Amino acid sequence: SLDLPPKKLVRMAVLVVFSVNSGGVSLI
């Protein structure tokens, strides 16, 4: 929804994937 340039959007998407997987490991 923020109209980011494609390359920067990819960077943020990469961080989202890693953050989502990391955030879930400490709680059932």
PDB file of all heavy atoms in Angstrom:
ATOM      1  N   SER A   1       0.816  -1.226   0.000  1.00  0.00           N
ATOM      2  CA  SER A   1       0.000   0.000   0.000  1.00  0.00           C
ATOM      3  C   SER A   1       0.844   1.267   0.000  1.00  0.00           C
ATOM      4  O   SER A   1       0.305   2.366  -0.126  1.00  0.00           O
ATOM      5  CB  SER A   1      -0.915   0.000   1.227  1.00  0.00           C
ATOM      6  OG  SER A   1      -0.159   0.155   2.425  1.00  0.00           O
ATOM      7  N   LEU A   2       2.163   1.131   0.125  1.00  0.00           N
ATOM      8  CA  LEU A   2       3.032   2.302   0.271  1.00  0.00           C
ATOM      9  C   LEU A   2       3.717   2.736  -1.013  1.00  0.00           C
ATOM     10  O   LEU A   2       4.498   3.686  -1.008  1.00  0.00           O
ATOM     11  CB  LEU A   2       4.093   2.018   1.346  1.00  0.00           C
ATOM     12  CG  LEU A   2       3.544   1.719   2.744  1.00  0.00           C
ATOM     13  CD1 LEU A   2       4.677   1.427   3.710  1.00  0.00           C
ATOM     14  CD2 LEU A   2       2.691   2.872   3.252  1.00  0.00           C
ATOM     15  N   ASP A   3       3.475   2.032  -2.111  1.00  0.00           N
ATOM     16  CA  ASP A   3       4.018   2.414  -3.418  1.00  0.00           C
ATOM     17  C   ASP A   3       5.543   2.551  -3.386  1.00  0.00           C
ATOM     18  O   ASP A   3       6.113   3.567  -3.803  1.00  0.00           O
ATOM     19  CB  ASP A   3       3.376   3.730  -3.887  1.00  0.00           C
ATOM     20  CG  ASP A   3       3.596   3.966  -5.385  1.00  0.00           C
ATOM     21  OD1 ASP A   3       3.760   2.965  -6.114  1.00  0.00           O
ATOM     22  OD2 ASP A   3       3.631   5.141  -5.807  1.00  0.00           O
ATOM     23  N   LEU A   4       6.199   1.505  -2.919  1.00  0.00           N
ATOM     24  CA  LEU A   4       7.662   1.491  -2.846  1.00  0.00           C
ATOM     25  C   LEU A   4       8.264   1.083  -4.187  1.00  0.00           C
ATOM     26  O   LEU A   4       7.647   0.347  -4.952  1.00  0.00           O
ATOM     27  CB  LEU A   4       8.116   0.492  -1.779  1.00  0.00           C
ATOM     28  CG  LEU A   4       7.842   0.866  -0.328  1.00  0.00           C
ATOM     29  CD1 LEU A   4       7.911  -0.373   0.556  1.00  0.00           C
ATOM     30  CD2 LEU A   4       8.853   1.898   0.148  1.00  0.00           C
ATOM     31  N   PRO A   5       9.484   1.535  -4.488  1.00  0.00           N
ATOM     32  CA  PRO A   5      10.177   1.049  -5.687  1.00  0.00           C
ATOM     33  C   PRO A   5      10.368  -0.467  -5.587  1.00  0.00           C
ATOM     34  O   PRO A   5      10.576  -0.992  -4.491  1.00  0.00           O
ATOM     35  CB  PRO A   5      11.531   1.778  -5.638  1.00  0.00           C
ATOM     36  CG  PRO A   5      11.291   2.972  -4.771  1.00  0.00           C
ATOM     37  CD  PRO A   5      10.267   2.564  -3.767  1.00  0.00           C
ATOM     38  N   PRO A   6      10.308  -1.184  -6.723  1.00  0.00           N
ATOM     39  CA  PRO A   6      10.372  -2.656  -6.706  1.00  0.00           C
ATOM     40  C   PRO A   6      11.560  -3.228  -5.937  1.00  0.00           C
ATOM     41  O   PRO A   6      11.408  -4.159  -5.147  1.00  0.00           O
ATOM     42  CB  PRO A   6      10.441  -3.015  -8.192  1.00  0.00           C
ATOM     43  CG  PRO A   6       9.745  -1.895  -8.875  1.00  0.00           C
ATOM     44  CD  PRO A   6      10.083  -0.671  -8.080  1.00  0.00           C
ATOM     45  N   LYS A   7      12.764  -2.672  -6.147  1.00  0.00           N
ATOM     46  CA  LYS A   7      13.943  -3.222  -5.482  1.00  0.00           C
ATOM     47  C   LYS A   7      13.864  -3.065  -3.968  1.00  0.00           C
ATOM     48  O   LYS A   7      14.260  -3.959  -3.215  1.00  0.00           O
ATOM     49  CB  LYS A   7      15.208  -2.554  -6.016  1.00  0.00           C
ATOM     50  CG  LYS A   7      15.559  -2.962  -7.447  1.00  0.00           C
ATOM     51  CD  LYS A   7      16.887  -2.379  -7.881  1.00  0.00           C
ATOM     52  CE  LYS A   7      17.263  -2.842  -9.286  1.00  0.00           C
ATOM     53  NZ  LYS A   7      18.553  -2.269  -9.733  1.00  0.00           N
ATOM     54  N   LYS A   8      13.349  -1.931  -3.517  1.00  0.00           N
ATOM     55  CA  LYS A   8      13.224  -1.709  -2.081  1.00  0.00           C
ATOM     56  C   LYS A   8      12.087  -2.545  -1.494  1.00  0.00           C
ATOM     57  O   LYS A   8      12.167  -3.002  -0.352  1.00  0.00           O
ATOM     58  CB  LYS A   8      13.019  -0.222  -1.798  1.00  0.00           C
ATOM     59  CG  LYS A   8      14.253   0.615  -2.152  1.00  0.00           C
ATOM     60  CD  LYS A   8      14.068   2.078  -1.849  1.00  0.00           C
ATOM     61  CE  LYS A   8      15.361   2.854  -2.177  1.00  0.00           C
ATOM     62  NZ  LYS A   8      15.230   4.295  -1.908  1.00  0.00           N
ATOM     63  N   LEU A   9      11.045  -2.762  -2.280  1.00  0.00           N
ATOM     64  CA  LEU A   9       9.953  -3.621  -1.841  1.00  0.00           C
ATOM     65  C   LEU A   9      10.443  -5.055  -1.646  1.00  0.00           C
ATOM     66  O   LEU A   9      10.050  -5.736  -0.689  1.00  0.00           O
ATOM     67  CB  LEU A   9       8.814  -3.580  -2.863  1.00  0.00           C
ATOM     68  CG  LEU A   9       7.585  -4.443  -2.556  1.00  0.00           C
ATOM     69  CD1 LEU A   9       6.955  -4.028  -1.231  1.00  0.00           C
ATOM     70  CD2 LEU A   9       6.562  -4.346  -3.684  1.00  0.00           C
ATOM     71  N   VAL A  10      11.323  -5.499  -2.544  1.00  0.00           N
ATOM     72  CA  VAL A  10      11.885  -6.846  -2.422  1.00  0.00           C
ATOM     73  C   VAL A  10      12.706  -6.958  -1.134  1.00  0.00           C
ATOM     74  O   VAL A  10      12.606  -7.956  -0.403  1.00  0.00           O
ATOM     75  CB  VAL A  10      12.759  -7.185  -3.651  1.00  0.00           C
ATOM     76  CG1 VAL A  10      13.598  -8.438  -3.390  1.00  0.00           C
ATOM     77  CG2 VAL A  10      11.886  -7.387  -4.879  1.00  0.00           C
ATOM     78  N   ARG A  11      13.504  -5.943  -0.840  1.00  0.00           N
ATOM     79  CA  ARG A  11      14.294  -5.957   0.393  1.00  0.00           C
ATOM     80  C   ARG A  11      13.396  -6.107   1.618  1.00  0.00           C
ATOM     81  O   ARG A  11      13.677  -6.899   2.523  1.00  0.00           O
ATOM     82  CB  ARG A  11      15.101  -4.662   0.525  1.00  0.00           C
ATOM     83  CG  ARG A  11      16.349  -4.606  -0.305  1.00  0.00           C
ATOM     84  CD  ARG A  11      17.239  -3.487   0.213  1.00  0.00           C
ATOM     85  NE  ARG A  11      18.294  -3.175  -0.722  1.00  0.00           N
ATOM     86  CZ  ARG A  11      19.318  -2.393  -0.456  1.00  0.00           C
ATOM     87  NH1 ARG A  11      19.408  -1.843   0.756  1.00  0.00           N
ATOM     88  NH2 ARG A  11      20.248  -2.142  -1.350  1.00  0.00           N
ATOM     89  N   MET A  12      12.333  -5.330   1.624  1.00  0.00           N
ATOM     90  CA  MET A  12      11.433  -5.373   2.778  1.00  0.00           C
ATOM     91  C   MET A  12      10.687  -6.700   2.845  1.00  0.00           C
ATOM     92  O   MET A  12      10.433  -7.223   3.942  1.00  0.00           O
ATOM     93  CB  MET A  12      10.454  -4.200   2.720  1.00  0.00           C
ATOM     94  CG  MET A  12      11.122  -2.849   2.902  1.00  0.00           C
ATOM     95  SD  MET A  12       9.963  -1.542   3.301  1.00  0.00           S
ATOM     96  CE  MET A  12      11.071  -0.146   3.522  1.00  0.00           C
ATOM     97  N   ALA A  13      10.347  -7.256   1.700  1.00  0.00           N
ATOM     98  CA  ALA A  13       9.674  -8.552   1.678  1.00  0.00           C
ATOM     99  C   ALA A  13      10.601  -9.647   2.218  1.00  0.00           C
ATOM    100  O   ALA A  13      10.163 -10.554   2.933  1.00  0.00           O
ATOM    101  CB  ALA A  13       9.221  -8.886   0.257  1.00  0.00           C
ATOM    102  N   VAL A  14      11.889  -9.564   1.869  1.00  0.00           N
ATOM    103  CA  VAL A  14      12.879 -10.520   2.386  1.00  0.00           C
ATOM    104  C   VAL A  14      12.934 -10.444   3.909  1.00  0.00           C
ATOM    105  O   VAL A  14      12.947 -11.466   4.611  1.00  0.00           O
ATOM    106  CB  VAL A  14      14.275 -10.245   1.780  1.00  0.00           C
ATOM    107  CG1 VAL A  14      15.352 -11.038   2.513  1.00  0.00           C
ATOM    108  CG2 VAL A  14      14.293 -10.593   0.296  1.00  0.00           C
ATOM    109  N   LEU A  15      12.938  -9.222   4.435  1.00  0.00           N
ATOM    110  CA  LEU A  15      12.965  -9.050   5.892  1.00  0.00           C
ATOM    111  C   LEU A  15      11.689  -9.583   6.533  1.00  0.00           C
ATOM    112  O   LEU A  15      11.734 -10.191   7.608  1.00  0.00           O
ATOM    113  CB  LEU A  15      13.154  -7.572   6.249  1.00  0.00           C
ATOM    114  CG  LEU A  15      13.208  -7.273   7.752  1.00  0.00           C
ATOM    115  CD1 LEU A  15      14.393  -7.967   8.407  1.00  0.00           C
ATOM    116  CD2 LEU A  15      13.259  -5.763   8.012  1.00  0.00           C
ATOM    117  N   VAL A  16      10.552  -9.370   5.877  1.00  0.00           N
ATOM    118  CA  VAL A  16       9.282  -9.870   6.406  1.00  0.00           C
ATOM    119  C   VAL A  16       9.319 -11.387   6.545  1.00  0.00           C
ATOM    120  O   VAL A  16       8.927 -11.951   7.578  1.00  0.00           O
ATOM    121  CB  VAL A  16       8.101  -9.438   5.511  1.00  0.00           C
ATOM    122  CG1 VAL A  16       6.851 -10.256   5.827  1.00  0.00           C
ATOM    123  CG2 VAL A  16       7.813  -7.956   5.691  1.00  0.00           C
ATOM    124  N   VAL A  17       9.807 -12.072   5.510  1.00  0.00           N
ATOM    125  CA  VAL A  17       9.866 -13.544   5.544  1.00  0.00           C
ATOM    126  C   VAL A  17      10.731 -14.016   6.710  1.00  0.00           C
ATOM    127  O   VAL A  17      10.329 -14.888   7.491  1.00  0.00           O
ATOM    128  CB  VAL A  17      10.415 -14.093   4.209  1.00  0.00           C
ATOM    129  CG1 VAL A  17      10.663 -15.606   4.313  1.00  0.00           C
ATOM    130  CG2 VAL A  17       9.447 -13.799   3.073  1.00  0.00           C
ATOM    131  N   PHE A  18      11.918 -13.425   6.850  1.00  0.00           N
ATOM    132  CA  PHE A  18      12.820 -13.827   7.937  1.00  0.00           C
ATOM    133  C   PHE A  18      12.233 -13.466   9.296  1.00  0.00           C
ATOM    134  O   PHE A  18      12.326 -14.259  10.252  1.00  0.00           O
ATOM    135  CB  PHE A  18      14.183 -13.153   7.754  1.00  0.00           C
ATOM    136  CG  PHE A  18      15.241 -13.651   8.707  1.00  0.00           C
ATOM    137  CD1 PHE A  18      15.953 -14.809   8.435  1.00  0.00           C
ATOM    138  CD2 PHE A  18      15.509 -12.976   9.891  1.00  0.00           C
ATOM    139  CE1 PHE A  18      16.927 -15.280   9.315  1.00  0.00           C
ATOM    140  CE2 PHE A  18      16.471 -13.433  10.775  1.00  0.00           C
ATOM    141  CZ  PHE A  18      17.187 -14.582  10.492  1.00  0.00           C
ATOM    142  N   SER A  19      11.615 -12.294   9.404  1.00  0.00           N
ATOM    143  CA  SER A  19      11.058 -11.847  10.686  1.00  0.00           C
ATOM    144  C   SER A  19       9.872 -12.700  11.109  1.00  0.00           C
ATOM    145  O   SER A  19       9.725 -13.037  12.292  1.00  0.00           O
ATOM    146  CB  SER A  19      10.628 -10.378  10.585  1.00  0.00           C
ATOM    147  OG  SER A  19      11.718  -9.543  10.257  1.00  0.00           O
ATOM    148  N   VAL A  20       9.011 -13.034  10.147  1.00  0.00           N
ATOM    149  CA  VAL A  20       7.848 -13.875  10.454  1.00  0.00           C
ATOM    150  C   VAL A  20       8.294 -15.241  10.961  1.00  0.00           C
ATOM    151  O   VAL A  20       7.783 -15.750  11.966  1.00  0.00           O
ATOM    152  CB  VAL A  20       6.946 -14.022   9.209  1.00  0.00           C
ATOM    153  CG1 VAL A  20       5.970 -15.176   9.370  1.00  0.00           C
ATOM    154  CG2 VAL A  20       6.195 -12.722   8.951  1.00  0.00           C
ATOM    155  N   ASN A  21       9.256 -15.850  10.278  1.00  0.00           N
ATOM    156  CA  ASN A  21       9.746 -17.157  10.710  1.00  0.00           C
ATOM    157  C   ASN A  21      10.476 -17.083  12.048  1.00  0.00           C
ATOM    158  O   ASN A  21      10.400 -18.012  12.861  1.00  0.00           O
ATOM    159  CB  ASN A  21      10.666 -17.751   9.641  1.00  0.00           C
ATOM    160  CG  ASN A  21       9.903 -18.175   8.406  1.00  0.00           C
ATOM    161  OD1 ASN A  21       8.749 -18.594   8.484  1.00  0.00           O
ATOM    162  ND2 ASN A  21      10.541 -18.075   7.241  1.00  0.00           N
ATOM    163  N   SER A  22      11.187 -15.981  12.286  1.00  0.00           N
ATOM    164  CA  SER A  22      11.916 -15.817  13.553  1.00  0.00           C
ATOM    165  C   SER A  22      10.970 -15.550  14.717  1.00  0.00           C
ATOM    166  O   SER A  22      11.161 -16.060  15.822  1.00  0.00           O
ATOM    167  CB  SER A  22      12.929 -14.669  13.440  1.00  0.00           C
ATOM    168  OG  SER A  22      13.886 -14.933  12.445  1.00  0.00           O
ATOM    169  N   GLY A  23       9.952 -14.740  14.473  1.00  0.00           N
ATOM    170  CA  GLY A  23       9.030 -14.370  15.551  1.00  0.00           C
ATOM    171  C   GLY A  23       8.236 -15.532  16.089  1.00  0.00           C
ATOM    172  O   GLY A  23       7.829 -15.536  17.259  1.00  0.00           O
ATOM    173  N   GLY A  24       7.988 -16.524  15.234  1.00  0.00           N
ATOM    174  CA  GLY A  24       7.137 -17.623  15.657  1.00  0.00           C
ATOM    175  C   GLY A  24       7.816 -18.668  16.510  1.00  0.00           C
ATOM    176  O   GLY A  24       7.135 -19.474  17.154  1.00  0.00           O
ATOM    177  N   VAL A  25       9.155 -18.673  16.568  1.00  0.00           N
ATOM    178  CA  VAL A  25       9.840 -19.817  17.197  1.00  0.00           C
ATOM    179  C   VAL A  25       9.749 -19.823  18.718  1.00  0.00           C
ATOM    180  O   VAL A  25       9.918 -20.870  19.343  1.00  0.00           O
ATOM    181  CB  VAL A  25      11.333 -19.875  16.784  1.00  0.00           C
ATOM    182  CG1 VAL A  25      11.470 -20.081  15.299  1.00  0.00           C
ATOM    183  CG2 VAL A  25      12.080 -18.634  17.249  1.00  0.00           C
ATOM    184  N   SER A  26       9.485 -18.685  19.341  1.00  0.00           N
ATOM    185  CA  SER A  26       9.544 -18.621  20.797  1.00  0.00           C
ATOM    186  C   SER A  26       8.197 -18.842  21.485  1.00  0.00           C
ATOM    187  O   SER A  26       8.134 -18.918  22.717  1.00  0.00           O
ATOM    188  CB  SER A  26      10.121 -17.273  21.246  1.00  0.00           C
ATOM    189  OG  SER A  26       9.340 -16.211  20.742  1.00  0.00           O
ATOM    190  N   LEU A  27       7.108 -18.935  20.716  1.00  0.00           N
ATOM    191  CA  LEU A  27       5.792 -19.181  21.295  1.00  0.00           C
ATOM    192  C   LEU A  27       5.085 -20.279  20.517  1.00  0.00           C
ATOM    193  O   LEU A  27       5.174 -20.334  19.287  1.00  0.00           O
ATOM    194  CB  LEU A  27       4.929 -17.908  21.275  1.00  0.00           C
ATOM    195  CG  LEU A  27       5.263 -16.806  22.292  1.00  0.00           C
ATOM    196  CD1 LEU A  27       4.367 -15.602  22.066  1.00  0.00           C
ATOM    197  CD2 LEU A  27       5.085 -17.315  23.721  1.00  0.00           C
ATOM    198  N   ILE A  28       4.343 -21.119  21.229  1.00  0.00           N
ATOM    199  CA  ILE A  28       3.653 -22.211  20.554  1.00  0.00           C
ATOM    200  C   ILE A  28       2.511 -21.710  19.685  1.00  0.00           C
ATOM    201  O   ILE A  28       2.024 -22.429  18.819  1.00  0.00           O
ATOM    202  CB  ILE A  28       3.118 -23.242  21.573  1.00  0.00           C
ATOM    203  CG1 ILE A  28       2.157 -22.576  22.567  1.00  0.00           C
ATOM    204  CG2 ILE A  28       4.267 -23.910  22.311  1.00  0.00           C
ATOM    205  CD1 ILE A  28       1.493 -23.548  23.516  1.00  0.00           C
TER     206      ILE A  28
END
